[in-house]
Every structure is written in structure tokens, then in C-alpha cells.
């Protein structure tokens, strides 16, 4: 598949092929309420670390710290970042991390048309599949920006929407403020936690040891999203198999790998394939101190 060059800040161009495949989704005007989103872990002492906006050159530092504690996390990746750093996405997946969709250009989804939402999500879904050979089920909306219509589109596409219930505003506040909020969260075991971190910027990766050490000494048990919600990370089923096949319109990831490798960036097509059986705008513009600061040193 020819993936767009569009970067964060500009919505991805609408794909006619996706619009044809998901024609019935384009008319969605409503959907499930906010309670449909997965916002926390089932077990009240479970804590799921989640990282948004990568992959980036700083992701390996986060992975290294996770490995020290034998933690497995869930990474919600931006498609345009995957296009630039497919080998880092592969590294995260091979380290046992779960992978979810975080759109192609990190837009506010409520500001987009249904066609644009479909393209943002499906381009990202397919580039992940090209690199890893998996069918992701998780979607996280940038900024947590959803409404009934957006949730309806995501549900109709066959995805599970993952939110969070702990946010230190790491992208918008300084390190000391973030660490203070994280410390306060650690003392509250009232409900299972899904925390929001970022692996885009160096500042986040450098702060990781603090949070990891703090979590290791807390009453919480670190989990992945699949472990703490019971929702499988992979195995999305195509909701409209009777419609025009994406493979007939050059949008099939598998076809792209097998017959159109020249149209895929060489850094993607040359990667080793992984077994498919293996189980506020400022967030993208400012240093992301992540529960990654959330999990991090002052």
C-alpha cells in the first residue's frame, strides 16, 4: 500500500478505497455512550501502563526500563510515526508489548468527518499489520476526544476503544508536578488503573526509572490492557466481508507485502516478519513527561 506522507497536525487525506469498503460506516451519527470505553482495570490493584504517540527514537529507553522490571505495557502508536520507525515498533512487539491504534496524524476525532476518521484509523491499522502481521483490536482517541458519533464509527469498524483513568497531564506540566500527582495516585487503590504516558520525547524516557521503581514498591500489580480488561489485543474481525475487498483496491496489507513491496517504504518491507500467532494539541508539541514521568525521576 502507498501510505500517506501526512504528518501530525494535518488530517490524513481520505482514502477512496477505505470509504468504499466501509460505506455503511460513513452514515453513522450515534453510537455507544462513554461507558462503552474501557477506562480502567477490572482488578482494583491492577495498573496498566500505556504509552502514546510513538514509536520514536526514545521508545527503546522506555522498553529497557520496562524490561528491568519484567513489565509488559501497551503502546498506542501513531501511523505516521510507524512509517518513520517501523523497526522500533517491531522491537516493542518482540519485547512482548501490546500494540494499539492511535490514528495516523493525532487529530481531534470529533472535528473530523466519518470518512476522515475511517482513514485515520485504517491507515494505521494496516501499516501495523504490514510491520507485525497482526490485526489490532485496540484504538485510543488522541486527547481522549470522543463523542457518541466517534464511538459509533470505532465500534462499527470492529475495534475496542481504550481510554484511561489516571492522567498526570505530563505533556502540559513540569516534572515536579507530574511526579507529585503520580505519588498521590500510588496511594489510592480504590479502582484499577489505566495510566496515560508518552514515549515520543526524550524527557519522558529519561524520567521512566522513577515511576517504574515507585510502581514496583506499590500495592499495584502491573498489567497489560488485555490482562486488566479481559479484551484481547489482537484478532480484529473484518465487519464488512461482503463489501468490496480491500485487496481488490490495493489496500490489503497482505497484498502490499506480497505483490507491492516496492510501494512500501523499504524500511518496512525489509523488516523480518513476526509470527501472526504470537500472542489538547500540546500533547504532541511539548515535552511529554509521561506517567512515563508519571513514572519518572524529577
Foldseek 3Di string as FASTA:
>chain_A
DQADLDAAPDQDDFDPLLCQLPVVLLPFDFADFPVQAAAFFAALQAEAEEAEEADAPQVVLLLVLCVVVVFEHEYAYAQSRCLVCVVSVVVNVVSPHFYHHAFHHQDQVVVDRLSSLSNRRLSSQLLCCLQAVFRFQEYEYRVNRDGRSSNSSSVLQQHHYYHWDAEQPQLPDDLVSLQVSLVVVLVDSPGGGYYYFYRHDNLLSQFQQQQVVSSVPGSHDYDYPCVRHVDFGTDGDGNRPPTDDSVVVVSHSVCCLVPVVVSRPCVRNVHDYHDHVDGVSSCVVGHTNTVSSCRGDD
